[in-house]
């Protein structure tokens, strides 16, 4: 697996955990993490990542819509424990959805399928 992945949660510990899980699966590309919505917008524009991993809370939906508008080639993977996240994922036509809590293997399988 290679490419550019943006892990975009507001929680830096969650970002780091997902980053480490992906790296442990042999990912050889670049993983960018950001816990700031304004910075996430800038990174979407400047890096044009192949994949963004994001939740739906606290402005996540706005980032998803922004990404769809500014970087149409980016696959969006919603990983969220929000009760309405599955419906949001379907309405937003994202590439993948996985409900929290999910194991490392499930997350890696989705990432591999999208890259």
PDB file of N, CA and C in Angstrom:
ATOM      1  N   UNK A   1       0.846  -1.184   0.000  1.00  0.00           N
ATOM      2  CA  UNK A   1       0.000   0.000   0.000  1.00  0.00           C
ATOM      3  C   UNK A   1       0.884   1.238   0.000  1.00  0.00           C
ATOM      4  N   UNK A   2       0.488   2.192  -0.811  1.00  0.00           N
ATOM      5  CA  UNK A   2       1.193   3.462  -0.817  1.00  0.00           C
ATOM      6  C   UNK A   2       0.217   4.553  -1.216  1.00  0.00           C
ATOM      7  N   UNK A   3       0.682   5.790  -1.207  1.00  0.00           N
ATOM      8  CA  UNK A   3      -0.148   6.937  -1.508  1.00  0.00           C
ATOM      9  C   UNK A   3      -0.070   7.927  -0.367  1.00  0.00           C
ATOM     10  N   UNK A   4      -1.031   8.855  -0.343  1.00  0.00           N
ATOM     11  CA  UNK A   4      -1.109   9.850   0.721  1.00  0.00           C
ATOM     12  C   UNK A   4      -2.451   9.676   1.419  1.00  0.00           C
ATOM     13  N   UNK A   5      -2.392   9.534   2.741  1.00  0.00           N
ATOM     14  CA  UNK A   5      -3.590   9.398   3.561  1.00  0.00           C
ATOM     15  C   UNK A   5      -3.633  10.564   4.530  1.00  0.00           C
ATOM     16  N   UNK A   6      -4.804  11.178   4.662  1.00  0.00           N
ATOM     17  CA  UNK A   6      -5.037  12.201   5.680  1.00  0.00           C
ATOM     18  C   UNK A   6      -5.943  11.603   6.740  1.00  0.00           C
ATOM     19  N   UNK A   7      -5.455  11.545   7.982  1.00  0.00           N
ATOM     20  CA  UNK A   7      -6.257  11.105   9.117  1.00  0.00           C
ATOM     21  C   UNK A   7      -6.714  12.374   9.818  1.00  0.00           C
ATOM     22  N   UNK A   8      -8.041  12.592   9.840  1.00  0.00           N
ATOM     23  CA  UNK A   8      -8.580  13.912  10.186  1.00  0.00           C
ATOM     24  C   UNK A   8      -9.615  13.853  11.305  1.00  0.00           C
ATOM     25  N   UNK A   9      -9.170  13.521  12.492  1.00  0.00           N
ATOM     26  CA  UNK A   9     -10.030  13.589  13.677  1.00  0.00           C
ATOM     27  C   UNK A   9      -9.604  14.793  14.504  1.00  0.00           C
ATOM     28  N   UNK A  10     -10.482  15.271  15.370  1.00  0.00           N
ATOM     29  CA  UNK A  10     -10.120  16.370  16.248  1.00  0.00           C
ATOM     30  C   UNK A  10      -9.328  15.884  17.458  1.00  0.00           C
ATOM     31  N   UNK A  11      -9.218  14.595  17.610  1.00  0.00           N
ATOM     32  CA  UNK A  11      -8.524  13.957  18.722  1.00  0.00           C
ATOM     33  C   UNK A  11      -7.158  13.458  18.248  1.00  0.00           C
ATOM     34  N   UNK A  12      -6.092  14.081  18.727  1.00  0.00           N
ATOM     35  CA  UNK A  12      -4.760  13.709  18.260  1.00  0.00           C
ATOM     36  C   UNK A  12      -4.400  12.276  18.649  1.00  0.00           C
ATOM     37  N   UNK A  13      -4.914  11.770  19.769  1.00  0.00           N
ATOM     38  CA  UNK A  13      -4.638  10.379  20.154  1.00  0.00           C
ATOM     39  C   UNK A  13      -5.280   9.410  19.166  1.00  0.00           C
ATOM     40  N   UNK A  14      -6.499   9.693  18.729  1.00  0.00           N
ATOM     41  CA  UNK A  14      -7.171   8.849  17.727  1.00  0.00           C
ATOM     42  C   UNK A  14      -6.408   8.899  16.403  1.00  0.00           C
ATOM     43  N   UNK A  15      -5.984  10.087  16.002  1.00  0.00           N
ATOM     44  CA  UNK A  15      -5.202  10.225  14.773  1.00  0.00           C
ATOM     45  C   UNK A  15      -3.944   9.365  14.838  1.00  0.00           C
ATOM     46  N   UNK A  16      -3.239   9.442  15.967  1.00  0.00           N
ATOM     47  CA  UNK A  16      -1.986   8.699  16.108  1.00  0.00           C
ATOM     48  C   UNK A  16      -2.227   7.198  16.129  1.00  0.00           C
ATOM     49  N   UNK A  17      -3.274   6.750  16.790  1.00  0.00           N
ATOM     50  CA  UNK A  17      -3.589   5.322  16.833  1.00  0.00           C
ATOM     51  C   UNK A  17      -3.864   4.777  15.433  1.00  0.00           C
ATOM     52  N   UNK A  18      -4.682   5.482  14.665  1.00  0.00           N
ATOM     53  CA  UNK A  18      -4.995   5.035  13.304  1.00  0.00           C
ATOM     54  C   UNK A  18      -3.738   5.067  12.433  1.00  0.00           C
ATOM     55  N   UNK A  19      -2.935   6.098  12.575  1.00  0.00           N
ATOM     56  CA  UNK A  19      -1.677   6.203  11.814  1.00  0.00           C
ATOM     57  C   UNK A  19      -0.777   5.002  12.106  1.00  0.00           C
ATOM     58  N   UNK A  20      -0.620   4.657  13.383  1.00  0.00           N
ATOM     59  CA  UNK A  20       0.227   3.529  13.762  1.00  0.00           C
ATOM     60  C   UNK A  20      -0.327   2.204  13.248  1.00  0.00           C
ATOM     61  N   UNK A  21      -1.647   2.041  13.268  1.00  0.00           N
ATOM     62  CA  UNK A  21      -2.256   0.816  12.759  1.00  0.00           C
ATOM     63  C   UNK A  21      -1.972   0.636  11.268  1.00  0.00           C
ATOM     64  N   UNK A  22      -2.104   1.708  10.518  1.00  0.00           N
ATOM     65  CA  UNK A  22      -1.866   1.646   9.073  1.00  0.00           C
ATOM     66  C   UNK A  22      -0.387   1.360   8.785  1.00  0.00           C
ATOM     67  N   UNK A  23       0.502   2.030   9.513  1.00  0.00           N
ATOM     68  CA  UNK A  23       1.933   1.793   9.325  1.00  0.00           C
ATOM     69  C   UNK A  23       2.313   0.360   9.665  1.00  0.00           C
ATOM     70  N   UNK A  24       1.702  -0.196  10.699  1.00  0.00           N
ATOM     71  CA  UNK A  24       2.035  -1.565  11.111  1.00  0.00           C
ATOM     72  C   UNK A  24       1.605  -2.599  10.075  1.00  0.00           C
ATOM     73  N   UNK A  25       0.705  -2.203   9.171  1.00  0.00           N
ATOM     74  CA  UNK A  25       0.246  -3.113   8.116  1.00  0.00           C
ATOM     75  C   UNK A  25       1.120  -3.030   6.868  1.00  0.00           C
ATOM     76  N   UNK A  26       2.212  -2.254   6.954  1.00  0.00           N
ATOM     77  CA  UNK A  26       3.150  -2.189   5.836  1.00  0.00           C
ATOM     78  C   UNK A  26       2.907  -1.045   4.878  1.00  0.00           C
ATOM     79  N   UNK A  27       2.128  -0.049   5.262  1.00  0.00           N
ATOM     80  CA  UNK A  27       1.884   1.105   4.397  1.00  0.00           C
ATOM     81  C   UNK A  27       3.190   1.846   4.172  1.00  0.00           C
ATOM     82  N   UNK A  28       3.502   2.126   2.913  1.00  0.00           N
ATOM     83  CA  UNK A  28       4.782   2.763   2.596  1.00  0.00           C
ATOM     84  C   UNK A  28       4.632   4.186   2.085  1.00  0.00           C
ATOM     85  N   UNK A  29       3.424   4.710   2.104  1.00  0.00           N
ATOM     86  CA  UNK A  29       3.211   6.070   1.632  1.00  0.00           C
ATOM     87  C   UNK A  29       3.321   7.079   2.757  1.00  0.00           C
ATOM     88  N   UNK A  30       2.692   8.219   2.556  1.00  0.00           N
ATOM     89  CA  UNK A  30       2.732   9.304   3.522  1.00  0.00           C
ATOM     90  C   UNK A  30       1.404   9.379   4.265  1.00  0.00           C
ATOM     91  N   UNK A  31       1.482   9.448   5.585  1.00  0.00           N
ATOM     92  CA  UNK A  31       0.292   9.617   6.408  1.00  0.00           C
ATOM     93  C   UNK A  31       0.381  10.973   7.088  1.00  0.00           C
ATOM     94  N   UNK A  32      -0.600  11.809   6.794  1.00  0.00           N
ATOM     95  CA  UNK A  32      -0.667  13.137   7.374  1.00  0.00           C
ATOM     96  C   UNK A  32      -1.770  13.103   8.419  1.00  0.00           C
ATOM     97  N   UNK A  33      -1.516  13.648   9.583  1.00  0.00           N
ATOM     98  CA  UNK A  33      -2.554  13.725  10.607  1.00  0.00           C
ATOM     99  C   UNK A  33      -2.813  15.181  10.946  1.00  0.00           C
ATOM    100  N   UNK A  34      -4.062  15.470  11.247  1.00  0.00           N
ATOM    101  CA  UNK A  34      -4.424  16.830  11.633  1.00  0.00           C
ATOM    102  C   UNK A  34      -5.620  16.779  12.557  1.00  0.00           C
ATOM    103  N   UNK A  35      -5.552  17.544  13.645  1.00  0.00           N
ATOM    104  CA  UNK A  35      -6.667  17.628  14.575  1.00  0.00           C
ATOM    105  C   UNK A  35      -7.298  19.025  14.570  1.00  0.00           C
ATOM    106  N   UNK A  36      -7.134  19.731  13.451  1.00  0.00           N
ATOM    107  CA  UNK A  36      -7.658  21.085  13.307  1.00  0.00           C
ATOM    108  C   UNK A  36      -8.389  21.191  11.966  1.00  0.00           C
ATOM    109  N   UNK A  37      -9.654  21.583  11.999  1.00  0.00           N
ATOM    110  CA  UNK A  37     -10.469  21.600  10.778  1.00  0.00           C
ATOM    111  C   UNK A  37      -9.928  22.570   9.722  1.00  0.00           C
ATOM    112  N   UNK A  38      -9.449  23.744  10.110  1.00  0.00           N
ATOM    113  CA  UNK A  38      -8.892  24.670   9.117  1.00  0.00           C
ATOM    114  C   UNK A  38      -7.637  24.077   8.470  1.00  0.00           C
ATOM    115  N   UNK A  39      -6.786  23.468   9.292  1.00  0.00           N
ATOM    116  CA  UNK A  39      -5.589  22.830   8.768  1.00  0.00           C
ATOM    117  C   UNK A  39      -5.953  21.661   7.849  1.00  0.00           C
ATOM    118  N   UNK A  40      -6.994  20.916   8.184  1.00  0.00           N
ATOM    119  CA  UNK A  40      -7.435  19.803   7.348  1.00  0.00           C
ATOM    120  C   UNK A  40      -7.836  20.298   5.961  1.00  0.00           C
ATOM    121  N   UNK A  41      -8.536  21.415   5.900  1.00  0.00           N
ATOM    122  CA  UNK A  41      -8.907  21.991   4.599  1.00  0.00           C
ATOM    123  C   UNK A  41      -7.657  22.319   3.782  1.00  0.00           C
ATOM    124  N   UNK A  42      -6.681  22.945   4.432  1.00  0.00           N
ATOM    125  CA  UNK A  42      -5.438  23.302   3.729  1.00  0.00           C
ATOM    126  C   UNK A  42      -4.706  22.055   3.231  1.00  0.00           C
ATOM    127  N   UNK A  43      -4.672  21.016   4.030  1.00  0.00           N
ATOM    128  CA  UNK A  43      -3.966  19.791   3.645  1.00  0.00           C
ATOM    129  C   UNK A  43      -4.695  19.062   2.513  1.00  0.00           C
ATOM    130  N   UNK A  44      -6.010  19.125   2.491  1.00  0.00           N
ATOM    131  CA  UNK A  44      -6.763  18.535   1.377  1.00  0.00           C
ATOM    132  C   UNK A  44      -6.378  19.212   0.071  1.00  0.00           C
ATOM    133  N   UNK A  45      -6.291  20.522   0.099  1.00  0.00           N
ATOM    134  CA  UNK A  45      -5.941  21.274  -1.114  1.00  0.00           C
ATOM    135  C   UNK A  45      -4.483  21.035  -1.502  1.00  0.00           C
ATOM    136  N   UNK A  46      -3.575  21.107  -0.551  1.00  0.00           N
ATOM    137  CA  UNK A  46      -2.154  21.025  -0.899  1.00  0.00           C
ATOM    138  C   UNK A  46      -1.677  19.601  -1.200  1.00  0.00           C
ATOM    139  N   UNK A  47      -2.201  18.604  -0.512  1.00  0.00           N
ATOM    140  CA  UNK A  47      -1.738  17.234  -0.707  1.00  0.00           C
ATOM    141  C   UNK A  47      -2.598  16.417  -1.668  1.00  0.00           C
ATOM    142  N   UNK A  48      -3.871  16.786  -1.852  1.00  0.00           N
ATOM    143  CA  UNK A  48      -4.780  16.006  -2.687  1.00  0.00           C
ATOM    144  C   UNK A  48      -4.641  14.517  -2.336  1.00  0.00           C
ATOM    145  N   UNK A  49      -4.920  14.143  -1.077  1.00  0.00           N
ATOM    146  CA  UNK A  49      -4.680  12.758  -0.647  1.00  0.00           C
ATOM    147  C   UNK A  49      -5.533  11.745  -1.410  1.00  0.00           C
ATOM    148  N   UNK A  50      -5.016  10.525  -1.495  1.00  0.00           N
ATOM    149  CA  UNK A  50      -5.798   9.439  -2.104  1.00  0.00           C
ATOM    150  C   UNK A  50      -6.936   9.022  -1.185  1.00  0.00           C
ATOM    151  N   UNK A  51      -6.725   9.204   0.134  1.00  0.00           N
ATOM    152  CA  UNK A  51      -7.699   8.746   1.125  1.00  0.00           C
ATOM    153  C   UNK A  51      -7.734   9.696   2.304  1.00  0.00           C
ATOM    154  N   UNK A  52      -8.937   9.969   2.802  1.00  0.00           N
ATOM    155  CA  UNK A  52      -9.111  10.693   4.057  1.00  0.00           C
ATOM    156  C   UNK A  52      -9.931   9.798   4.971  1.00  0.00           C
ATOM    157  N   UNK A  53      -9.473   9.681   6.215  1.00  0.00           N
ATOM    158  CA  UNK A  53     -10.182   8.917   7.242  1.00  0.00           C
ATOM    159  C   UNK A  53     -10.679   9.930   8.260  1.00  0.00           C
ATOM    160  N   UNK A  54     -11.995   9.939   8.489  1.00  0.00           N
ATOM    161  CA  UNK A  54     -12.592  11.012   9.266  1.00  0.00           C
ATOM    162  C   UNK A  54     -13.856  10.536   9.973  1.00  0.00           C
ATOM    163  N   UNK A  55     -14.207  11.222  11.041  1.00  0.00           N
ATOM    164  CA  UNK A  55     -15.477  11.006  11.718  1.00  0.00           C
ATOM    165  C   UNK A  55     -16.474  12.058  11.272  1.00  0.00           C
ATOM    166  N   UNK A  56     -17.682  11.989  11.803  1.00  0.00           N
ATOM    167  CA  UNK A  56     -18.728  12.918  11.362  1.00  0.00           C
ATOM    168  C   UNK A  56     -19.022  14.022  12.368  1.00  0.00           C
ATOM    169  N   UNK A  57     -18.487  13.928  13.570  1.00  0.00           N
ATOM    170  CA  UNK A  57     -18.795  14.908  14.616  1.00  0.00           C
ATOM    171  C   UNK A  57     -17.972  16.182  14.473  1.00  0.00           C
ATOM    172  N   UNK A  58     -18.481  17.255  15.072  1.00  0.00           N
ATOM    173  CA  UNK A  58     -17.747  18.513  15.221  1.00  0.00           C
ATOM    174  C   UNK A  58     -17.154  19.048  13.923  1.00  0.00           C
ATOM    175  N   UNK A  59     -17.963  19.121  12.902  1.00  0.00           N
ATOM    176  CA  UNK A  59     -17.515  19.676  11.633  1.00  0.00           C
ATOM    177  C   UNK A  59     -16.973  18.664  10.646  1.00  0.00           C
ATOM    178  N   UNK A  60     -16.998  17.401  10.994  1.00  0.00           N
ATOM    179  CA  UNK A  60     -16.502  16.372  10.084  1.00  0.00           C
ATOM    180  C   UNK A  60     -17.274  16.334   8.775  1.00  0.00           C
ATOM    181  N   UNK A  61     -18.587  16.520   8.848  1.00  0.00           N
ATOM    182  CA  UNK A  61     -19.410  16.512   7.630  1.00  0.00           C
ATOM    183  C   UNK A  61     -19.010  17.668   6.717  1.00  0.00           C
ATOM    184  N   UNK A  62     -18.712  18.819   7.298  1.00  0.00           N
ATOM    185  CA  UNK A  62     -18.266  19.962   6.493  1.00  0.00           C
ATOM    186  C   UNK A  62     -16.948  19.659   5.786  1.00  0.00           C
ATOM    187  N   UNK A  63     -16.035  18.972   6.470  1.00  0.00           N
ATOM    188  CA  UNK A  63     -14.759  18.607   5.856  1.00  0.00           C
ATOM    189  C   UNK A  63     -14.996  17.612   4.729  1.00  0.00           C
ATOM    190  N   UNK A  64     -15.901  16.668   4.932  1.00  0.00           N
ATOM    191  CA  UNK A  64     -16.225  15.689   3.886  1.00  0.00           C
ATOM    192  C   UNK A  64     -16.747  16.398   2.640  1.00  0.00           C
ATOM    193  N   UNK A  65     -17.681  17.311   2.816  1.00  0.00           N
ATOM    194  CA  UNK A  65     -18.240  18.061   1.674  1.00  0.00           C
ATOM    195  C   UNK A  65     -17.162  18.910   1.007  1.00  0.00           C
ATOM    196  N   UNK A  66     -16.309  19.531   1.810  1.00  0.00           N
ATOM    197  CA  UNK A  66     -15.206  20.330   1.282  1.00  0.00           C
ATOM    198  C   UNK A  66     -14.282  19.449   0.437  1.00  0.00           C
ATOM    199  N   UNK A  67     -13.954  18.280   0.956  1.00  0.00           N
ATOM    200  CA  UNK A  67     -13.070  17.354   0.246  1.00  0.00           C
ATOM    201  C   UNK A  67     -13.708  16.905  -1.073  1.00  0.00           C
ATOM    202  N   UNK A  68     -14.988  16.610  -1.043  1.00  0.00           N
ATOM    203  CA  UNK A  68     -15.664  16.182  -2.267  1.00  0.00           C
ATOM    204  C   UNK A  68     -15.637  17.285  -3.321  1.00  0.00           C
ATOM    205  N   UNK A  69     -15.679  18.521  -2.883  1.00  0.00           N
ATOM    206  CA  UNK A  69     -15.681  19.650  -3.811  1.00  0.00           C
ATOM    207  C   UNK A  69     -14.275  19.980  -4.319  1.00  0.00           C
ATOM    208  N   UNK A  70     -13.276  19.925  -3.435  1.00  0.00           N
ATOM    209  CA  UNK A  70     -11.926  20.383  -3.774  1.00  0.00           C
ATOM    210  C   UNK A  70     -10.974  19.283  -4.242  1.00  0.00           C
ATOM    211  N   UNK A  71     -11.280  18.041  -3.931  1.00  0.00           N
ATOM    212  CA  UNK A  71     -10.375  16.945  -4.282  1.00  0.00           C
ATOM    213  C   UNK A  71     -11.219  15.718  -4.627  1.00  0.00           C
ATOM    214  N   UNK A  72     -11.848  15.755  -5.771  1.00  0.00           N
ATOM    215  CA  UNK A  72     -12.818  14.732  -6.143  1.00  0.00           C
ATOM    216  C   UNK A  72     -12.200  13.336  -6.295  1.00  0.00           C
ATOM    217  N   UNK A  73     -10.895  13.243  -6.447  1.00  0.00           N
ATOM    218  CA  UNK A  73     -10.255  11.933  -6.586  1.00  0.00           C
ATOM    219  C   UNK A  73      -9.963  11.281  -5.233  1.00  0.00           C
ATOM    220  N   UNK A  74     -10.168  12.013  -4.144  1.00  0.00           N
ATOM    221  CA  UNK A  74      -9.909  11.493  -2.804  1.00  0.00           C
ATOM    222  C   UNK A  74     -11.042  10.578  -2.356  1.00  0.00           C
ATOM    223  N   UNK A  75     -10.699   9.362  -1.949  1.00  0.00           N
ATOM    224  CA  UNK A  75     -11.685   8.450  -1.360  1.00  0.00           C
ATOM    225  C   UNK A  75     -11.895   8.849   0.096  1.00  0.00           C
ATOM    226  N   UNK A  76     -13.136   8.819   0.535  1.00  0.00           N
ATOM    227  CA  UNK A  76     -13.461   9.213   1.899  1.00  0.00           C
ATOM    228  C   UNK A  76     -13.942   7.991   2.666  1.00  0.00           C
ATOM    229  N   UNK A  77     -13.317   7.762   3.812  1.00  0.00           N
ATOM    230  CA  UNK A  77     -13.618   6.648   4.698  1.00  0.00           C
ATOM    231  C   UNK A  77     -14.089   7.227   6.027  1.00  0.00           C
ATOM    232  N   UNK A  78     -15.372   7.060   6.322  1.00  0.00           N
ATOM    233  CA  UNK A  78     -15.911   7.505   7.602  1.00  0.00           C
ATOM    234  C   UNK A  78     -15.777   6.361   8.598  1.00  0.00           C
ATOM    235  N   UNK A  79     -15.074   6.648   9.688  1.00  0.00           N
ATOM    236  CA  UNK A  79     -14.932   5.714  10.798  1.00  0.00           C
ATOM    237  C   UNK A  79     -15.488   6.439  12.014  1.00  0.00           C
ATOM    238  N   UNK A  80     -16.691   6.058  12.440  1.00  0.00           N
ATOM    239  CA  UNK A  80     -17.393   6.849  13.441  1.00  0.00           C
ATOM    240  C   UNK A  80     -18.277   5.990  14.331  1.00  0.00           C
ATOM    241  N   UNK A  81     -18.435   6.440  15.547  1.00  0.00           N
ATOM    242  CA  UNK A  81     -19.344   5.801  16.486  1.00  0.00           C
ATOM    243  C   UNK A  81     -20.644   6.557  16.638  1.00  0.00           C
ATOM    244  N   UNK A  82     -20.819   7.605  15.886  1.00  0.00           N
ATOM    245  CA  UNK A  82     -22.042   8.403  15.939  1.00  0.00           C
ATOM    246  C   UNK A  82     -23.241   7.566  15.481  1.00  0.00           C
ATOM    247  N   UNK A  83     -24.369   7.734  16.150  1.00  0.00           N
ATOM    248  CA  UNK A  83     -25.541   6.906  15.849  1.00  0.00           C
ATOM    249  C   UNK A  83     -26.068   7.122  14.430  1.00  0.00           C
ATOM    250  N   UNK A  84     -25.905   8.297  13.876  1.00  0.00           N
ATOM    251  CA  UNK A  84     -26.419   8.560  12.529  1.00  0.00           C
ATOM    252  C   UNK A  84     -25.328   8.547  11.462  1.00  0.00           C
ATOM    253  N   UNK A  85     -24.136   8.082  11.794  1.00  0.00           N
ATOM    254  CA  UNK A  85     -23.018   8.131  10.851  1.00  0.00           C
ATOM    255  C   UNK A  85     -23.242   7.253   9.624  1.00  0.00           C
ATOM    256  N   UNK A  86     -23.847   6.087   9.800  1.00  0.00           N
ATOM    257  CA  UNK A  86     -24.091   5.206   8.649  1.00  0.00           C
ATOM    258  C   UNK A  86     -25.010   5.890   7.638  1.00  0.00           C
ATOM    259  N   UNK A  87     -26.087   6.500   8.129  1.00  0.00           N
ATOM    260  CA  UNK A  87     -26.999   7.219   7.232  1.00  0.00           C
ATOM    261  C   UNK A  87     -26.302   8.395   6.562  1.00  0.00           C
ATOM    262  N   UNK A  88     -25.493   9.130   7.329  1.00  0.00           N
ATOM    263  CA  UNK A  88     -24.730  10.243   6.749  1.00  0.00           C
ATOM    264  C   UNK A  88     -23.788   9.739   5.662  1.00  0.00           C
ATOM    265  N   UNK A  89     -23.116   8.633   5.923  1.00  0.00           N
ATOM    266  CA  UNK A  89     -22.183   8.071   4.938  1.00  0.00           C
ATOM    267  C   UNK A  89     -22.907   7.746   3.638  1.00  0.00           C
ATOM    268  N   UNK A  90     -24.085   7.161   3.755  1.00  0.00           N
ATOM    269  CA  UNK A  90     -24.855   6.824   2.560  1.00  0.00           C
ATOM    270  C   UNK A  90     -25.308   8.089   1.844  1.00  0.00           C
ATOM    271  N   UNK A  91     -25.791   9.072   2.590  1.00  0.00           N
ATOM    272  CA  UNK A  91     -26.262  10.325   1.985  1.00  0.00           C
ATOM    273  C   UNK A  91     -25.133  11.121   1.337  1.00  0.00           C
ATOM    274  N   UNK A  92     -23.940  11.025   1.912  1.00  0.00           N
ATOM    275  CA  UNK A  92     -22.794  11.755   1.373  1.00  0.00           C
ATOM    276  C   UNK A  92     -22.066  10.987   0.274  1.00  0.00           C
ATOM    277  N   UNK A  93     -22.484   9.756   0.034  1.00  0.00           N
ATOM    278  CA  UNK A  93     -21.886   8.918  -1.017  1.00  0.00           C
ATOM    279  C   UNK A  93     -20.379   8.762  -0.837  1.00  0.00           C
ATOM    280  N   UNK A  94     -19.958   8.455   0.377  1.00  0.00           N
ATOM    281  CA  UNK A  94     -18.534   8.247   0.624  1.00  0.00           C
ATOM    282  C   UNK A  94     -18.140   6.834   0.203  1.00  0.00           C
ATOM    283  N   UNK A  95     -16.844   6.605   0.087  1.00  0.00           N
ATOM    284  CA  UNK A  95     -16.335   5.323  -0.409  1.00  0.00           C
ATOM    285  C   UNK A  95     -16.512   4.189   0.589  1.00  0.00           C
ATOM    286  N   UNK A  96     -16.421   4.497   1.897  1.00  0.00           N
ATOM    287  CA  UNK A  96     -16.509   3.435   2.900  1.00  0.00           C
ATOM    288  C   UNK A  96     -16.973   3.980   4.234  1.00  0.00           C
ATOM    289  N   UNK A  97     -17.623   3.114   4.999  1.00  0.00           N
ATOM    290  CA  UNK A  97     -18.054   3.438   6.352  1.00  0.00           C
ATOM    291  C   UNK A  97     -17.752   2.243   7.242  1.00  0.00           C
ATOM    292  N   UNK A  98     -17.264   2.521   8.442  1.00  0.00           N
ATOM    293  CA  UNK A  98     -17.033   1.490   9.437  1.00  0.00           C
ATOM    294  C   UNK A  98     -17.436   2.073  10.787  1.00  0.00           C
ATOM    295  N   UNK A  99     -18.243   1.308  11.538  1.00  0.00           N
ATOM    296  CA  UNK A  99     -18.710   1.765  12.840  1.00  0.00           C
ATOM    297  C   UNK A  99     -17.675   1.478  13.919  1.00  0.00           C
ATOM    298  N   UNK A 100     -17.494   2.434  14.823  1.00  0.00           N
ATOM    299  CA  UNK A 100     -16.656   2.223  15.997  1.00  0.00           C
ATOM    300  C   UNK A 100     -17.454   1.409  16.999  1.00  0.00           C
ATOM    301  N   UNK A 101     -16.831   0.590  17.779  1.00  0.00           N
ATOM    302  CA  UNK A 101     -15.410   0.254  17.701  1.00  0.00           C
ATOM    303  C   UNK A 101     -15.193  -0.859  16.693  1.00  0.00           C
ATOM    304  N   UNK A 102     -14.153  -0.747  15.953  1.00  0.00           N
ATOM    305  CA  UNK A 102     -13.777  -1.795  14.999  1.00  0.00           C
ATOM    306  C   UNK A 102     -12.324  -2.148  15.287  1.00  0.00           C
ATOM    307  N   UNK A 103     -11.949  -3.335  14.957  1.00  0.00           N
ATOM    308  CA  UNK A 103     -10.582  -3.770  15.191  1.00  0.00           C
ATOM    309  C   UNK A 103      -9.625  -3.287  14.128  1.00  0.00           C
ATOM    310  N   UNK A 104      -8.362  -3.381  14.438  1.00  0.00           N
ATOM    311  CA  UNK A 104      -7.298  -2.972  13.523  1.00  0.00           C
ATOM    312  C   UNK A 104      -7.437  -3.670  12.176  1.00  0.00           C
ATOM    313  N   UNK A 105      -7.725  -4.965  12.187  1.00  0.00           N
ATOM    314  CA  UNK A 105      -7.816  -5.719  10.933  1.00  0.00           C
ATOM    315  C   UNK A 105      -8.929  -5.190  10.034  1.00  0.00           C
ATOM    316  N   UNK A 106     -10.056  -4.816  10.633  1.00  0.00           N
ATOM    317  CA  UNK A 106     -11.167  -4.267   9.845  1.00  0.00           C
ATOM    318  C   UNK A 106     -10.790  -2.936   9.219  1.00  0.00           C
ATOM    319  N   UNK A 107     -10.131  -2.090  10.000  1.00  0.00           N
ATOM    320  CA  UNK A 107      -9.707  -0.784   9.496  1.00  0.00           C
ATOM    321  C   UNK A 107      -8.712  -0.958   8.350  1.00  0.00           C
ATOM    322  N   UNK A 108      -7.740  -1.828   8.536  1.00  0.00           N
ATOM    323  CA  UNK A 108      -6.726  -2.068   7.503  1.00  0.00           C
ATOM    324  C   UNK A 108      -7.351  -2.621   6.245  1.00  0.00           C
ATOM    325  N   UNK A 109      -8.315  -3.509   6.386  1.00  0.00           N
ATOM    326  CA  UNK A 109      -8.992  -4.091   5.216  1.00  0.00           C
ATOM    327  C   UNK A 109      -9.686  -3.006   4.394  1.00  0.00           C
ATOM    328  N   UNK A 110     -10.340  -2.065   5.062  1.00  0.00           N
ATOM    329  CA  UNK A 110     -11.004  -0.967   4.355  1.00  0.00           C
ATOM    330  C   UNK A 110      -9.954  -0.095   3.654  1.00  0.00           C
ATOM    331  N   UNK A 111      -8.891   0.248   4.365  1.00  0.00           N
ATOM    332  CA  UNK A 111      -7.846   1.102   3.785  1.00  0.00           C
ATOM    333  C   UNK A 111      -7.235   0.426   2.556  1.00  0.00           C
ATOM    334  N   UNK A 112      -6.908  -0.851   2.652  1.00  0.00           N
ATOM    335  CA  UNK A 112      -6.338  -1.579   1.508  1.00  0.00           C
ATOM    336  C   UNK A 112      -7.300  -1.576   0.329  1.00  0.00           C
ATOM    337  N   UNK A 113      -8.580  -1.729   0.598  1.00  0.00           N
ATOM    338  CA  UNK A 113      -9.567  -1.748  -0.470  1.00  0.00           C
ATOM    339  C   UNK A 113      -9.727  -0.415  -1.176  1.00  0.00           C
ATOM    340  N   UNK A 114      -9.380   0.668  -0.486  1.00  0.00           N
ATOM    341  CA  UNK A 114      -9.551   2.000  -1.061  1.00  0.00           C
ATOM    342  C   UNK A 114      -8.296   2.552  -1.738  1.00  0.00           C
ATOM    343  N   UNK A 115      -7.154   1.962  -1.465  1.00  0.00           N
ATOM    344  CA  UNK A 115      -5.908   2.465  -2.076  1.00  0.00           C
ATOM    345  C   UNK A 115      -5.518   1.682  -3.309  1.00  0.00           C
TER     346      UNK A 115
END
